[in-house]
Amino acid sequence: MNKYLKIWMKSGAYFGILMGIFYIFQQNNYIAGAISGVVAGLLFGAAMAGFTYFTDKNMKKKGIVNDSTSVNQTQSLIISLPFETVEPVIQEAVLSVPKAKIKSTSRSSVEAKTGFTWKSFGEDIVVSLERKDSSTIARINSKSSVKTTMVDYGKNLENVQNISSFIKQKFDGEVSDCT
C-alpha cells in the first residue's frame, strides 16, 4: 500500500475516533458526533499525508530517500579499522546531529537524545560498536522518544544519515554498508 495512504488512514482513523467521541459528548448527538469525527479524521489524515509528502520531496533534494513509514530507523556499517580507532569518533558522530545531547556512554555504545522540533517530540539515538575480527561494526539506531509517534517526517532517517555520513567522511574509504 502507498506510504501516504497508510499515513492518511492511520492518523486519520485515530484522530477521527478521538474527535468523534469528543463531538458525541459535546453535541449530545451520536449521529452528528460520528459524522463530525469522520470528517475531522479525513481532513487530519489528509493534512498529515500532505505534510509527509512535501517533507519527503524536500529530503529528496538533499539526497535522502525515505520509502519507509517507520519512525524507528537503523543502519549498520562495517568499518575496516580496529575498535580502538573507531571508538573515540563515535561521540563526535552523534553530536553531528542537530540538538543532540549525549545521555550516556560506555566503551561500546553512545546514547543520546535530541530536543523537541516541529517534526517530532525528540528522538532517542543509540550507536553501538561491536568487534568483528580486525574490523568494527557500528549499529546506528534513531527512534522517536514518544512511543505513540506515527509520523516523524523523516527525522529519524535524517539522524541516521547524519551519523553515517560523518563516520564515512572521517574514515574515508574504510566504511561499507552492512547487508
Protein backbone atom coordinates (compact mmCIF):
# COMPACT_ATOMS: atom_id res chain seq x y z
CA MET A 1 0.00 0.00 0.00
CA ASN A 2 1.19 3.51 -0.76
CA LYS A 3 3.10 5.17 2.10
CA TYR A 4 0.96 8.32 2.06
CA LEU A 5 -2.29 6.35 2.00
CA LYS A 6 -1.11 4.42 5.09
CA ILE A 7 -0.30 7.66 6.90
CA TRP A 8 -3.64 9.15 5.89
CA MET A 9 -5.58 6.10 7.09
CA LYS A 10 -3.69 5.57 10.37
CA SER A 11 -3.52 9.14 11.56
CA GLY A 12 -7.00 9.96 10.27
CA ALA A 13 -8.58 6.94 11.92
CA TYR A 14 -7.08 7.58 15.35
CA PHE A 15 -7.79 11.30 15.25
CA GLY A 16 -11.30 10.73 13.85
CA ILE A 17 -12.20 8.27 16.61
CA LEU A 18 -10.97 10.63 19.33
CA MET A 19 -12.75 13.61 17.80
CA GLY A 20 -15.91 11.56 17.23
CA ILE A 21 -16.04 10.65 20.91
CA PHE A 22 -15.40 14.27 21.85
CA TYR A 23 -18.14 15.54 19.49
CA ILE A 24 -20.63 12.92 20.69
CA PHE A 25 -20.29 14.19 24.25
CA GLN A 26 -20.13 17.83 23.22
CA GLN A 27 -23.16 17.75 20.90
CA ASN A 28 -25.03 15.07 22.84
CA ASN A 29 -25.96 13.54 19.48
CA TYR A 30 -24.45 10.25 18.30
CA ILE A 31 -25.01 10.72 14.57
CA ALA A 32 -23.73 14.32 14.44
CA GLY A 33 -20.76 13.36 16.61
CA ALA A 34 -19.87 10.38 14.44
CA ILE A 35 -20.15 12.40 11.23
CA SER A 36 -18.04 15.20 12.73
CA GLY A 37 -15.43 12.65 13.82
CA VAL A 38 -15.24 11.08 10.35
CA VAL A 39 -14.87 14.48 8.67
CA ALA A 40 -12.22 15.60 11.18
CA GLY A 41 -10.36 12.31 10.70
CA LEU A 42 -10.40 12.59 6.91
CA LEU A 43 -9.13 16.17 7.00
CA PHE A 44 -6.46 15.50 9.63
CA GLY A 45 -5.25 12.36 7.81
CA ALA A 46 -5.02 14.29 4.53
CA ALA A 47 -3.03 17.06 6.23
CA MET A 48 -0.60 14.56 7.77
CA ALA A 49 -0.12 12.77 4.44
CA GLY A 50 0.37 16.12 2.68
CA PHE A 51 2.98 17.31 5.18
CA THR A 52 4.81 14.00 4.81
CA TYR A 53 4.73 14.22 1.00
CA PHE A 54 6.25 17.70 0.94
CA THR A 55 8.83 16.79 3.59
CA ASP A 56 9.86 13.76 1.51
CA LYS A 57 10.24 15.97 -1.55
CA ASN A 58 12.48 18.29 0.44
CA MET A 59 14.55 15.34 1.70
CA LYS A 60 14.97 14.01 -1.85
CA LYS A 61 16.56 17.35 -2.78
CA LYS A 62 19.12 16.65 -0.03
CA GLY A 63 19.74 13.16 -1.46
CA ILE A 64 17.82 11.26 1.24
CA VAL A 65 15.16 8.85 0.01
CA ASN A 66 12.61 7.71 2.60
CA ASP A 67 10.32 4.93 1.38
CA SER A 68 9.59 3.70 4.89
CA THR A 69 6.84 4.90 7.17
CA SER A 70 8.75 3.61 10.20
CA VAL A 71 9.70 6.03 12.96
CA ASN A 72 12.46 3.60 14.03
CA GLN A 73 15.43 3.76 11.65
CA THR A 74 18.55 1.60 11.79
CA GLN A 75 21.72 1.28 9.74
CA SER A 76 24.78 -0.89 10.25
CA LEU A 77 28.25 -0.05 8.96
CA ILE A 78 31.36 -2.19 8.70
CA ILE A 79 34.46 -0.13 9.43
CA SER A 80 37.72 -1.80 8.36
CA LEU A 81 39.58 -0.43 11.36
CA PRO A 82 40.16 -1.73 14.89
CA PHE A 83 37.68 -0.95 17.65
CA GLU A 84 40.16 1.32 19.46
CA THR A 85 40.45 3.61 16.41
CA VAL A 86 36.69 3.87 15.86
CA GLU A 87 35.55 4.31 19.47
CA PRO A 88 36.66 7.96 20.03
CA VAL A 89 34.97 9.16 16.82
CA ILE A 90 31.50 7.85 17.70
CA GLN A 91 30.72 10.62 20.21
CA GLU A 92 31.65 13.23 17.61
CA ALA A 93 29.44 11.48 15.08
CA VAL A 94 26.44 11.52 17.42
CA LEU A 95 26.99 15.19 18.22
CA SER A 96 26.86 15.93 14.46
CA VAL A 97 23.08 15.52 14.75
CA PRO A 98 21.48 18.93 15.42
CA LYS A 99 20.25 19.38 19.02
CA ALA A 100 21.75 16.03 20.12
CA LYS A 101 22.84 15.74 23.73
CA ILE A 102 24.69 12.68 24.97
CA LYS A 103 22.88 10.87 27.82
CA SER A 104 25.38 8.09 28.47
CA THR A 105 28.47 6.48 27.06
CA SER A 106 30.26 3.22 27.52
CA ARG A 107 33.14 1.60 25.70
CA SER A 108 30.82 0.03 23.17
CA SER A 109 27.90 2.48 22.87
CA VAL A 110 26.76 6.07 22.95
CA GLU A 111 23.18 7.05 23.83
CA ALA A 112 21.83 10.49 23.01
CA LYS A 113 18.58 12.40 22.91
CA THR A 114 17.51 15.24 20.66
CA GLY A 115 15.18 18.02 21.61
CA PHE A 116 11.70 19.00 20.54
CA THR A 117 11.32 20.23 16.93
CA TRP A 118 8.32 20.86 14.69
CA LYS A 119 8.96 17.39 13.19
CA SER A 120 8.97 15.44 16.44
CA PHE A 121 8.91 15.44 20.23
CA GLY A 122 12.54 14.32 20.20
CA GLU A 123 14.44 11.21 19.28
CA ASP A 124 16.49 8.60 21.12
CA ILE A 125 19.73 7.77 19.33
CA VAL A 126 21.96 4.78 20.10
CA VAL A 127 25.20 3.95 18.32
CA SER A 128 26.69 0.65 19.41
CA LEU A 129 30.04 -0.82 18.40
CA GLU A 130 30.98 -4.46 18.05
CA ARG A 131 34.39 -6.00 17.40
CA LYS A 132 34.49 -8.28 14.37
CA ASP A 133 37.95 -9.72 13.68
CA SER A 134 40.10 -6.70 12.73
CA SER A 135 37.02 -4.60 11.85
CA THR A 136 34.32 -2.82 13.81
CA ILE A 137 30.58 -2.93 13.21
CA ALA A 138 28.68 0.27 14.09
CA ARG A 139 24.92 -0.03 14.52
CA ILE A 140 23.10 3.29 14.36
CA ASN A 141 19.53 3.50 15.63
CA SER A 142 17.24 6.50 15.92
CA LYS A 143 13.66 6.29 17.13
CA SER A 144 11.05 8.71 18.35
CA SER A 145 11.09 9.43 22.08
CA VAL A 146 7.30 9.33 22.26
CA LYS A 147 6.18 5.74 21.66
CA THR A 148 2.86 6.73 20.08
CA THR A 149 4.52 8.75 17.28
CA MET A 150 3.26 7.57 13.89
CA VAL A 151 4.87 10.14 11.59
CA ASP A 152 8.29 11.74 12.04
CA TYR A 153 8.64 13.42 8.63
CA GLY A 154 11.89 11.51 8.03
CA LYS A 155 13.60 12.94 11.12
CA ASN A 156 14.94 9.59 12.39
CA LEU A 157 16.24 8.67 8.94
CA GLU A 158 17.91 12.07 8.76
CA ASN A 159 19.60 11.44 12.14
CA VAL A 160 20.90 8.05 10.99
CA GLN A 161 22.12 9.55 7.70
CA ASN A 162 23.94 12.39 9.54
CA ILE A 163 25.81 9.97 11.77
CA SER A 164 26.55 7.57 8.91
CA SER A 165 27.85 10.38 6.69
CA PHE A 166 30.07 11.69 9.50
CA ILE A 167 31.59 8.24 10.05
CA LYS A 168 32.08 7.66 6.32
CA GLN A 169 33.74 11.05 5.92
CA LYS A 170 36.00 10.56 8.96
CA PHE A 171 37.15 7.08 7.87
CA ASP A 172 37.24 7.76 4.13
CA GLY A 173 37.34 4.51 2.16
CA GLU A 174 37.29 2.26 5.24
CA VAL A 175 33.50 2.10 5.66
CA SER A 176 30.89 -0.02 3.88
CA ASP A 177 27.20 -0.64 4.48
CA CYS A 178 26.37 -3.86 6.28
CA THR A 179 23.99 -6.12 4.35
